[in-house]
């Protein structure tokens, strides 16, 4: 019997599969900061006395807000991956394998 993770089969094209909401929020706050995050997504919990805990509570109860945060994270993550790929290519322009 195949012992692969059944969840991997059910969501092979989901870029957020396996990524926790707390991780998404922490990475966005680290990258953008609360002020800039509030400019990108107009949510009061990002504007007035923001915290990870209060934001997680709100996002878990508010699907439209969570969708906005997840969309921004997908954009941010793709941009980060492209930047990393370019940096690797810059260090190894010929793609030579040693």
PDB file of N, CA and C in Angstrom:
ATOM      1  N   UNK A   1       0.828  -1.186   0.000  1.00  0.00           N
ATOM      2  CA  UNK A   1       0.000   0.000   0.000  1.00  0.00           C
ATOM      3  C   UNK A   1       0.874   1.252   0.000  1.00  0.00           C
ATOM      4  N   UNK A   2       0.488   2.222  -0.787  1.00  0.00           N
ATOM      5  CA  UNK A   2       1.233   3.470  -0.897  1.00  0.00           C
ATOM      6  C   UNK A   2       1.014   4.309   0.356  1.00  0.00           C
ATOM      7  N   UNK A   3       2.109   4.728   0.997  1.00  0.00           N
ATOM      8  CA  UNK A   3       2.001   5.462   2.251  1.00  0.00           C
ATOM      9  C   UNK A   3       2.239   6.955   2.079  1.00  0.00           C
ATOM     10  N   UNK A   4       1.971   7.487   0.898  1.00  0.00           N
ATOM     11  CA  UNK A   4       2.127   8.920   0.685  1.00  0.00           C
ATOM     12  C   UNK A   4       1.095   9.667   1.504  1.00  0.00           C
ATOM     13  N   UNK A   5       1.377  10.917   1.803  1.00  0.00           N
ATOM     14  CA  UNK A   5       0.448  11.764   2.534  1.00  0.00           C
ATOM     15  C   UNK A   5      -0.776  12.027   1.661  1.00  0.00           C
ATOM     16  N   UNK A   6      -1.983  11.641   2.106  1.00  0.00           N
ATOM     17  CA  UNK A   6      -3.174  11.832   1.284  1.00  0.00           C
ATOM     18  C   UNK A   6      -3.486  13.304   1.038  1.00  0.00           C
ATOM     19  N   UNK A   7      -3.081  14.197   1.933  1.00  0.00           N
ATOM     20  CA  UNK A   7      -3.328  15.621   1.738  1.00  0.00           C
ATOM     21  C   UNK A   7      -2.525  16.170   0.566  1.00  0.00           C
ATOM     22  N   UNK A   8      -1.349  15.597   0.320  1.00  0.00           N
ATOM     23  CA  UNK A   8      -0.537  16.049  -0.804  1.00  0.00           C
ATOM     24  C   UNK A   8      -1.261  15.790  -2.112  1.00  0.00           C
ATOM     25  N   UNK A   9      -2.011  14.707  -2.176  1.00  0.00           N
ATOM     26  CA  UNK A   9      -2.740  14.367  -3.384  1.00  0.00           C
ATOM     27  C   UNK A   9      -3.967  15.251  -3.572  1.00  0.00           C
ATOM     28  N   UNK A  10      -4.578  15.684  -2.470  1.00  0.00           N
ATOM     29  CA  UNK A  10      -5.813  16.448  -2.567  1.00  0.00           C
ATOM     30  C   UNK A  10      -5.580  17.912  -2.924  1.00  0.00           C
ATOM     31  N   UNK A  11      -4.413  18.445  -2.651  1.00  0.00           N
ATOM     32  CA  UNK A  11      -4.143  19.856  -2.930  1.00  0.00           C
ATOM     33  C   UNK A  11      -2.773  20.070  -3.572  1.00  0.00           C
ATOM     34  N   UNK A  12      -2.493  19.408  -4.695  1.00  0.00           N
ATOM     35  CA  UNK A  12      -1.154  19.512  -5.272  1.00  0.00           C
ATOM     36  C   UNK A  12      -0.826  20.900  -5.818  1.00  0.00           C
ATOM     37  N   UNK A  13      -1.840  21.697  -6.171  1.00  0.00           N
ATOM     38  CA  UNK A  13      -1.579  23.011  -6.751  1.00  0.00           C
ATOM     39  C   UNK A  13      -1.893  24.165  -5.808  1.00  0.00           C
ATOM     40  N   UNK A  14      -2.077  23.873  -4.546  1.00  0.00           N
ATOM     41  CA  UNK A  14      -2.392  24.917  -3.578  1.00  0.00           C
ATOM     42  C   UNK A  14      -1.095  25.484  -3.007  1.00  0.00           C
ATOM     43  N   UNK A  15      -0.747  26.738  -3.340  1.00  0.00           N
ATOM     44  CA  UNK A  15       0.516  27.305  -2.853  1.00  0.00           C
ATOM     45  C   UNK A  15       0.541  27.520  -1.343  1.00  0.00           C
ATOM     46  N   UNK A  16      -0.616  27.492  -0.697  1.00  0.00           N
ATOM     47  CA  UNK A  16      -0.672  27.695   0.754  1.00  0.00           C
ATOM     48  C   UNK A  16      -0.762  26.387   1.531  1.00  0.00           C
ATOM     49  N   UNK A  17      -0.764  25.277   0.818  1.00  0.00           N
ATOM     50  CA  UNK A  17      -0.882  23.982   1.489  1.00  0.00           C
ATOM     51  C   UNK A  17       0.280  23.787   2.458  1.00  0.00           C
ATOM     52  N   UNK A  18      -0.058  23.539   3.711  1.00  0.00           N
ATOM     53  CA  UNK A  18       0.969  23.293   4.727  1.00  0.00           C
ATOM     54  C   UNK A  18       1.529  24.549   5.370  1.00  0.00           C
ATOM     55  N   UNK A  19       1.071  25.722   4.929  1.00  0.00           N
ATOM     56  CA  UNK A  19       1.558  26.976   5.507  1.00  0.00           C
ATOM     57  C   UNK A  19       0.517  27.464   6.515  1.00  0.00           C
ATOM     58  N   UNK A  20       0.932  27.635   7.754  1.00  0.00           N
ATOM     59  CA  UNK A  20       0.006  28.060   8.807  1.00  0.00           C
ATOM     60  C   UNK A  20      -0.257  29.560   8.713  1.00  0.00           C
ATOM     61  N   UNK A  21      -1.445  29.953   9.149  1.00  0.00           N
ATOM     62  CA  UNK A  21      -1.823  31.370   9.120  1.00  0.00           C
ATOM     63  C   UNK A  21      -0.860  32.216   9.940  1.00  0.00           C
ATOM     64  N   UNK A  22      -0.410  31.709  11.060  1.00  0.00           N
ATOM     65  CA  UNK A  22       0.527  32.472  11.892  1.00  0.00           C
ATOM     66  C   UNK A  22       1.838  32.724  11.138  1.00  0.00           C
ATOM     67  N   UNK A  23       2.283  31.740  10.368  1.00  0.00           N
ATOM     68  CA  UNK A  23       3.513  31.900   9.578  1.00  0.00           C
ATOM     69  C   UNK A  23       3.315  32.954   8.508  1.00  0.00           C
ATOM     70  N   UNK A  24       2.172  32.899   7.843  1.00  0.00           N
ATOM     71  CA  UNK A  24       1.853  33.890   6.809  1.00  0.00           C
ATOM     72  C   UNK A  24       1.901  35.284   7.398  1.00  0.00           C
ATOM     73  N   UNK A  25       1.208  35.466   8.508  1.00  0.00           N
ATOM     74  CA  UNK A  25       1.124  36.782   9.134  1.00  0.00           C
ATOM     75  C   UNK A  25       2.490  37.262   9.627  1.00  0.00           C
ATOM     76  N   UNK A  26       3.234  36.391  10.275  1.00  0.00           N
ATOM     77  CA  UNK A  26       4.559  36.788  10.785  1.00  0.00           C
ATOM     78  C   UNK A  26       5.494  37.198   9.644  1.00  0.00           C
ATOM     79  N   UNK A  27       5.474  36.462   8.540  1.00  0.00           N
ATOM     80  CA  UNK A  27       6.355  36.803   7.425  1.00  0.00           C
ATOM     81  C   UNK A  27       5.940  38.121   6.762  1.00  0.00           C
ATOM     82  N   UNK A  28       4.633  38.348   6.647  1.00  0.00           N
ATOM     83  CA  UNK A  28       4.172  39.608   6.059  1.00  0.00           C
ATOM     84  C   UNK A  28       4.520  40.795   6.955  1.00  0.00           C
ATOM     85  N   UNK A  29       4.342  40.628   8.255  1.00  0.00           N
ATOM     86  CA  UNK A  29       4.676  41.714   9.187  1.00  0.00           C
ATOM     87  C   UNK A  29       6.179  41.971   9.178  1.00  0.00           C
ATOM     88  N   UNK A  30       6.965  40.916   9.126  1.00  0.00           N
ATOM     89  CA  UNK A  30       8.426  41.080   9.084  1.00  0.00           C
ATOM     90  C   UNK A  30       8.852  41.828   7.819  1.00  0.00           C
ATOM     91  N   UNK A  31       8.221  41.499   6.710  1.00  0.00           N
ATOM     92  CA  UNK A  31       8.601  42.106   5.432  1.00  0.00           C
ATOM     93  C   UNK A  31       8.057  43.533   5.278  1.00  0.00           C
ATOM     94  N   UNK A  32       6.773  43.707   5.534  1.00  0.00           N
ATOM     95  CA  UNK A  32       6.130  45.000   5.289  1.00  0.00           C
ATOM     96  C   UNK A  32       6.056  45.907   6.519  1.00  0.00           C
ATOM     97  N   UNK A  33       5.942  45.327   7.706  1.00  0.00           N
ATOM     98  CA  UNK A  33       5.659  46.096   8.914  1.00  0.00           C
ATOM     99  C   UNK A  33       4.155  46.337   8.999  1.00  0.00           C
ATOM    100  N   UNK A  34       3.672  46.660  10.203  1.00  0.00           N
ATOM    101  CA  UNK A  34       2.232  46.835  10.399  1.00  0.00           C
ATOM    102  C   UNK A  34       1.669  47.985   9.586  1.00  0.00           C
ATOM    103  N   UNK A  35       2.377  49.108   9.573  1.00  0.00           N
ATOM    104  CA  UNK A  35       1.860  50.296   8.889  1.00  0.00           C
ATOM    105  C   UNK A  35       1.675  50.046   7.382  1.00  0.00           C
ATOM    106  N   UNK A  36       2.674  49.495   6.767  1.00  0.00           N
ATOM    107  CA  UNK A  36       2.595  49.229   5.328  1.00  0.00           C
ATOM    108  C   UNK A  36       1.591  48.108   5.024  1.00  0.00           C
ATOM    109  N   UNK A  37       1.508  47.132   5.914  1.00  0.00           N
ATOM    110  CA  UNK A  37       0.534  46.059   5.749  1.00  0.00           C
ATOM    111  C   UNK A  37      -0.889  46.624   5.806  1.00  0.00           C
ATOM    112  N   UNK A  38      -1.126  47.572   6.711  1.00  0.00           N
ATOM    113  CA  UNK A  38      -2.436  48.219   6.819  1.00  0.00           C
ATOM    114  C   UNK A  38      -2.753  49.049   5.579  1.00  0.00           C
ATOM    115  N   UNK A  39      -1.721  49.595   4.934  1.00  0.00           N
ATOM    116  CA  UNK A  39      -1.940  50.336   3.686  1.00  0.00           C
ATOM    117  C   UNK A  39      -2.329  49.381   2.561  1.00  0.00           C
ATOM    118  N   UNK A  40      -1.734  48.210   2.552  1.00  0.00           N
ATOM    119  CA  UNK A  40      -2.005  47.231   1.496  1.00  0.00           C
ATOM    120  C   UNK A  40      -3.352  46.548   1.693  1.00  0.00           C
ATOM    121  N   UNK A  41      -3.698  46.275   2.950  1.00  0.00           N
ATOM    122  CA  UNK A  41      -4.964  45.627   3.272  1.00  0.00           C
ATOM    123  C   UNK A  41      -5.633  46.463   4.363  1.00  0.00           C
ATOM    124  N   UNK A  42      -6.740  47.075   4.021  1.00  0.00           N
ATOM    125  CA  UNK A  42      -7.427  47.993   4.930  1.00  0.00           C
ATOM    126  C   UNK A  42      -8.232  47.220   5.980  1.00  0.00           C
ATOM    127  N   UNK A  43      -7.535  46.834   7.032  1.00  0.00           N
ATOM    128  CA  UNK A  43      -8.145  46.093   8.130  1.00  0.00           C
ATOM    129  C   UNK A  43      -7.761  46.805   9.426  1.00  0.00           C
ATOM    130  N   UNK A  44      -8.744  47.096  10.259  1.00  0.00           N
ATOM    131  CA  UNK A  44      -8.486  47.847  11.493  1.00  0.00           C
ATOM    132  C   UNK A  44      -7.512  47.148  12.434  1.00  0.00           C
ATOM    133  N   UNK A  45      -7.527  45.819  12.468  1.00  0.00           N
ATOM    134  CA  UNK A  45      -6.619  45.132  13.399  1.00  0.00           C
ATOM    135  C   UNK A  45      -5.155  45.303  12.990  1.00  0.00           C
ATOM    136  N   UNK A  46      -4.914  45.774  11.766  1.00  0.00           N
ATOM    137  CA  UNK A  46      -3.542  46.087  11.335  1.00  0.00           C
ATOM    138  C   UNK A  46      -3.202  47.554  11.644  1.00  0.00           C
ATOM    139  N   UNK A  47      -4.209  48.368  11.911  1.00  0.00           N
ATOM    140  CA  UNK A  47      -4.015  49.809  12.096  1.00  0.00           C
ATOM    141  C   UNK A  47      -3.949  50.225  13.556  1.00  0.00           C
ATOM    142  N   UNK A  48      -4.889  49.753  14.349  1.00  0.00           N
ATOM    143  CA  UNK A  48      -5.012  50.217  15.729  1.00  0.00           C
ATOM    144  C   UNK A  48      -4.471  49.168  16.686  1.00  0.00           C
ATOM    145  N   UNK A  49      -3.371  49.488  17.337  1.00  0.00           N
ATOM    146  CA  UNK A  49      -2.738  48.603  18.313  1.00  0.00           C
ATOM    147  C   UNK A  49      -2.579  47.177  17.767  1.00  0.00           C
ATOM    148  N   UNK A  50      -1.882  47.021  16.642  1.00  0.00           N
ATOM    149  CA  UNK A  50      -1.794  45.705  15.995  1.00  0.00           C
ATOM    150  C   UNK A  50      -0.950  44.704  16.782  1.00  0.00           C
ATOM    151  N   UNK A  51      -1.376  43.462  16.714  1.00  0.00           N
ATOM    152  CA  UNK A  51      -0.601  42.367  17.302  1.00  0.00           C
ATOM    153  C   UNK A  51      -0.903  41.104  16.503  1.00  0.00           C
ATOM    154  N   UNK A  52       0.007  40.166  16.585  1.00  0.00           N
ATOM    155  CA  UNK A  52      -0.189  38.888  15.892  1.00  0.00           C
ATOM    156  C   UNK A  52      -1.443  38.209  16.447  1.00  0.00           C
ATOM    157  N   UNK A  53      -1.569  38.178  17.767  1.00  0.00           N
ATOM    158  CA  UNK A  53      -2.682  37.471  18.407  1.00  0.00           C
ATOM    159  C   UNK A  53      -4.039  38.041  17.987  1.00  0.00           C
ATOM    160  N   UNK A  54      -4.199  39.348  18.062  1.00  0.00           N
ATOM    161  CA  UNK A  54      -5.497  39.942  17.712  1.00  0.00           C
ATOM    162  C   UNK A  54      -5.786  39.784  16.219  1.00  0.00           C
ATOM    163  N   UNK A  55      -4.759  39.888  15.401  1.00  0.00           N
ATOM    164  CA  UNK A  55      -4.935  39.729  13.958  1.00  0.00           C
ATOM    165  C   UNK A  55      -5.327  38.306  13.608  1.00  0.00           C
ATOM    166  N   UNK A  56      -4.705  37.323  14.248  1.00  0.00           N
ATOM    167  CA  UNK A  56      -5.055  35.917  14.002  1.00  0.00           C
ATOM    168  C   UNK A  56      -6.512  35.653  14.380  1.00  0.00           C
ATOM    169  N   UNK A  57      -6.931  36.185  15.513  1.00  0.00           N
ATOM    170  CA  UNK A  57      -8.317  36.010  15.957  1.00  0.00           C
ATOM    171  C   UNK A  57      -9.276  36.576  14.919  1.00  0.00           C
ATOM    172  N   UNK A  58      -8.998  37.789  14.456  1.00  0.00           N
ATOM    173  CA  UNK A  58      -9.859  38.427  13.458  1.00  0.00           C
ATOM    174  C   UNK A  58      -9.853  37.655  12.140  1.00  0.00           C
ATOM    175  N   UNK A  59      -8.690  37.291  11.666  1.00  0.00           N
ATOM    176  CA  UNK A  59      -8.581  36.615  10.372  1.00  0.00           C
ATOM    177  C   UNK A  59      -9.254  35.236  10.380  1.00  0.00           C
ATOM    178  N   UNK A  60      -9.205  34.565  11.505  1.00  0.00           N
ATOM    179  CA  UNK A  60      -9.849  33.250  11.594  1.00  0.00           C
ATOM    180  C   UNK A  60     -11.372  33.364  11.567  1.00  0.00           C
ATOM    181  N   UNK A  61     -11.903  34.507  11.984  1.00  0.00           N
ATOM    182  CA  UNK A  61     -13.353  34.709  12.022  1.00  0.00           C
ATOM    183  C   UNK A  61     -13.888  35.435  10.800  1.00  0.00           C
ATOM    184  N   UNK A  62     -12.997  35.965   9.965  1.00  0.00           N
ATOM    185  CA  UNK A  62     -13.414  36.834   8.861  1.00  0.00           C
ATOM    186  C   UNK A  62     -12.822  36.333   7.541  1.00  0.00           C
ATOM    187  N   UNK A  63     -13.567  35.508   6.820  1.00  0.00           N
ATOM    188  CA  UNK A  63     -13.037  34.889   5.597  1.00  0.00           C
ATOM    189  C   UNK A  63     -12.546  35.873   4.538  1.00  0.00           C
ATOM    190  N   UNK A  64     -13.251  36.982   4.318  1.00  0.00           N
ATOM    191  CA  UNK A  64     -12.812  37.914   3.268  1.00  0.00           C
ATOM    192  C   UNK A  64     -11.455  38.523   3.622  1.00  0.00           C
ATOM    193  N   UNK A  65     -11.235  38.816   4.906  1.00  0.00           N
ATOM    194  CA  UNK A  65      -9.962  39.398   5.326  1.00  0.00           C
ATOM    195  C   UNK A  65      -8.837  38.372   5.198  1.00  0.00           C
ATOM    196  N   UNK A  66      -9.137  37.144   5.592  1.00  0.00           N
ATOM    197  CA  UNK A  66      -8.137  36.082   5.469  1.00  0.00           C
ATOM    198  C   UNK A  66      -7.763  35.870   4.000  1.00  0.00           C
ATOM    199  N   UNK A  67      -8.762  35.919   3.114  1.00  0.00           N
ATOM    200  CA  UNK A  67      -8.494  35.774   1.678  1.00  0.00           C
ATOM    201  C   UNK A  67      -7.546  36.862   1.183  1.00  0.00           C
ATOM    202  N   UNK A  68      -7.757  38.087   1.637  1.00  0.00           N
ATOM    203  CA  UNK A  68      -6.879  39.198   1.234  1.00  0.00           C
ATOM    204  C   UNK A  68      -5.445  38.974   1.715  1.00  0.00           C
ATOM    205  N   UNK A  69      -5.306  38.545   2.952  1.00  0.00           N
ATOM    206  CA  UNK A  69      -3.977  38.293   3.520  1.00  0.00           C
ATOM    207  C   UNK A  69      -3.295  37.150   2.772  1.00  0.00           C
ATOM    208  N   UNK A  70      -4.047  36.103   2.474  1.00  0.00           N
ATOM    209  CA  UNK A  70      -3.471  34.964   1.751  1.00  0.00           C
ATOM    210  C   UNK A  70      -3.061  35.357   0.337  1.00  0.00           C
ATOM    211  N   UNK A  71      -3.858  36.194  -0.323  1.00  0.00           N
ATOM    212  CA  UNK A  71      -3.485  36.665  -1.671  1.00  0.00           C
ATOM    213  C   UNK A  71      -2.196  37.473  -1.638  1.00  0.00           C
ATOM    214  N   UNK A  72      -2.082  38.353  -0.654  1.00  0.00           N
ATOM    215  CA  UNK A  72      -0.862  39.151  -0.529  1.00  0.00           C
ATOM    216  C   UNK A  72       0.331  38.245  -0.256  1.00  0.00           C
ATOM    217  N   UNK A  73       0.147  37.230   0.576  1.00  0.00           N
ATOM    218  CA  UNK A  73       1.239  36.318   0.885  1.00  0.00           C
ATOM    219  C   UNK A  73       1.686  35.544  -0.357  1.00  0.00           C
ATOM    220  N   UNK A  74       0.738  35.094  -1.156  1.00  0.00           N
ATOM    221  CA  UNK A  74       1.087  34.360  -2.388  1.00  0.00           C
ATOM    222  C   UNK A  74       1.911  35.266  -3.304  1.00  0.00           C
ATOM    223  N   UNK A  75       1.486  36.519  -3.452  1.00  0.00           N
ATOM    224  CA  UNK A  75       2.239  37.489  -4.264  1.00  0.00           C
ATOM    225  C   UNK A  75       3.637  37.684  -3.698  1.00  0.00           C
ATOM    226  N   UNK A  76       3.713  37.911  -2.387  1.00  0.00           N
ATOM    227  CA  UNK A  76       4.988  38.122  -1.703  1.00  0.00           C
ATOM    228  C   UNK A  76       5.902  36.908  -1.857  1.00  0.00           C
ATOM    229  N   UNK A  77       5.348  35.715  -1.692  1.00  0.00           N
ATOM    230  CA  UNK A  77       6.148  34.495  -1.763  1.00  0.00           C
ATOM    231  C   UNK A  77       6.680  34.247  -3.174  1.00  0.00           C
ATOM    232  N   UNK A  78       5.855  34.480  -4.185  1.00  0.00           N
ATOM    233  CA  UNK A  78       6.316  34.316  -5.572  1.00  0.00           C
ATOM    234  C   UNK A  78       7.436  35.303  -5.884  1.00  0.00           C
ATOM    235  N   UNK A  79       7.271  36.532  -5.431  1.00  0.00           N
ATOM    236  CA  UNK A  79       8.293  37.564  -5.640  1.00  0.00           C
ATOM    237  C   UNK A  79       9.604  37.166  -4.948  1.00  0.00           C
ATOM    238  N   UNK A  80       9.477  36.638  -3.733  1.00  0.00           N
ATOM    239  CA  UNK A  80      10.658  36.208  -2.975  1.00  0.00           C
ATOM    240  C   UNK A  80      11.359  35.042  -3.674  1.00  0.00           C
ATOM    241  N   UNK A  81      10.583  34.090  -4.179  1.00  0.00           N
ATOM    242  CA  UNK A  81      11.167  32.941  -4.876  1.00  0.00           C
ATOM    243  C   UNK A  81      11.887  33.362  -6.151  1.00  0.00           C
ATOM    244  N   UNK A  82      11.308  34.307  -6.886  1.00  0.00           N
ATOM    245  CA  UNK A  82      11.975  34.814  -8.088  1.00  0.00           C
ATOM    246  C   UNK A  82      13.299  35.493  -7.747  1.00  0.00           C
ATOM    247  N   UNK A  83      13.279  36.271  -6.681  1.00  0.00           N
ATOM    248  CA  UNK A  83      14.492  36.966  -6.237  1.00  0.00           C
ATOM    249  C   UNK A  83      15.574  35.962  -5.853  1.00  0.00           C
ATOM    250  N   UNK A  84      15.189  34.901  -5.150  1.00  0.00           N
ATOM    251  CA  UNK A  84      16.143  33.867  -4.745  1.00  0.00           C
ATOM    252  C   UNK A  84      16.689  33.123  -5.957  1.00  0.00           C
ATOM    253  N   UNK A  85      15.835  32.842  -6.922  1.00  0.00           N
ATOM    254  CA  UNK A  85      16.276  32.149  -8.136  1.00  0.00           C
ATOM    255  C   UNK A  85      17.264  33.012  -8.915  1.00  0.00           C
ATOM    256  N   UNK A  86      16.999  34.309  -8.998  1.00  0.00           N
ATOM    257  CA  UNK A  86      17.918  35.214  -9.698  1.00  0.00           C
ATOM    258  C   UNK A  86      19.252  35.292  -8.975  1.00  0.00           C
ATOM    259  N   UNK A  87      19.208  35.298  -7.656  1.00  0.00           N
ATOM    260  CA  UNK A  87      20.445  35.357  -6.874  1.00  0.00           C
ATOM    261  C   UNK A  87      21.275  34.085  -7.085  1.00  0.00           C
ATOM    262  N   UNK A  88      20.611  32.929  -7.110  1.00  0.00           N
ATOM    263  CA  UNK A  88      21.326  31.671  -7.359  1.00  0.00           C
ATOM    264  C   UNK A  88      21.925  31.673  -8.758  1.00  0.00           C
ATOM    265  N   UNK A  89      21.173  32.174  -9.719  1.00  0.00           N
ATOM    266  CA  UNK A  89      21.637  32.219 -11.097  1.00  0.00           C
ATOM    267  C   UNK A  89      22.831  33.168 -11.231  1.00  0.00           C
ATOM    268  N   UNK A  90      22.804  34.235 -10.473  1.00  0.00           N
ATOM    269  CA  UNK A  90      23.889  35.212 -10.501  1.00  0.00           C
ATOM    270  C   UNK A  90      25.188  34.593  -9.975  1.00  0.00           C
ATOM    271  N   UNK A  91      25.078  33.741  -8.952  1.00  0.00           N
ATOM    272  CA  UNK A  91      26.249  33.099  -8.373  1.00  0.00           C
ATOM    273  C   UNK A  91      26.753  31.929  -9.215  1.00  0.00           C
ATOM    274  N   UNK A  92      25.866  31.370 -10.023  1.00  0.00           N
ATOM    275  CA  UNK A  92      26.235  30.232 -10.871  1.00  0.00           C
ATOM    276  C   UNK A  92      25.631  30.434 -12.253  1.00  0.00           C
ATOM    277  N   UNK A  93      26.154  31.411 -13.010  1.00  0.00           N
ATOM    278  CA  UNK A  93      25.550  31.772 -14.297  1.00  0.00           C
ATOM    279  C   UNK A  93      25.580  30.656 -15.340  1.00  0.00           C
ATOM    280  N   UNK A  94      26.547  29.777 -15.278  1.00  0.00           N
ATOM    281  CA  UNK A  94      26.626  28.715 -16.268  1.00  0.00           C
ATOM    282  C   UNK A  94      25.806  27.499 -15.899  1.00  0.00           C
ATOM    283  N   UNK A  95      25.361  27.451 -14.642  1.00  0.00           N
ATOM    284  CA  UNK A  95      24.591  26.304 -14.195  1.00  0.00           C
ATOM    285  C   UNK A  95      25.430  25.034 -14.149  1.00  0.00           C
ATOM    286  N   UNK A  96      26.734  25.162 -14.029  1.00  0.00           N
ATOM    287  CA  UNK A  96      27.627  24.002 -14.036  1.00  0.00           C
ATOM    288  C   UNK A  96      27.448  23.191 -12.754  1.00  0.00           C
ATOM    289  N   UNK A  97      27.450  21.895 -12.937  1.00  0.00           N
ATOM    290  CA  UNK A  97      27.347  20.986 -11.788  1.00  0.00           C
ATOM    291  C   UNK A  97      28.740  20.448 -11.488  1.00  0.00           C
ATOM    292  N   UNK A  98      29.126  20.574 -10.251  1.00  0.00           N
ATOM    293  CA  UNK A  98      30.465  20.120  -9.861  1.00  0.00           C
ATOM    294  C   UNK A  98      30.440  18.716  -9.363  1.00  0.00           C
TER     295      UNK A  98
END
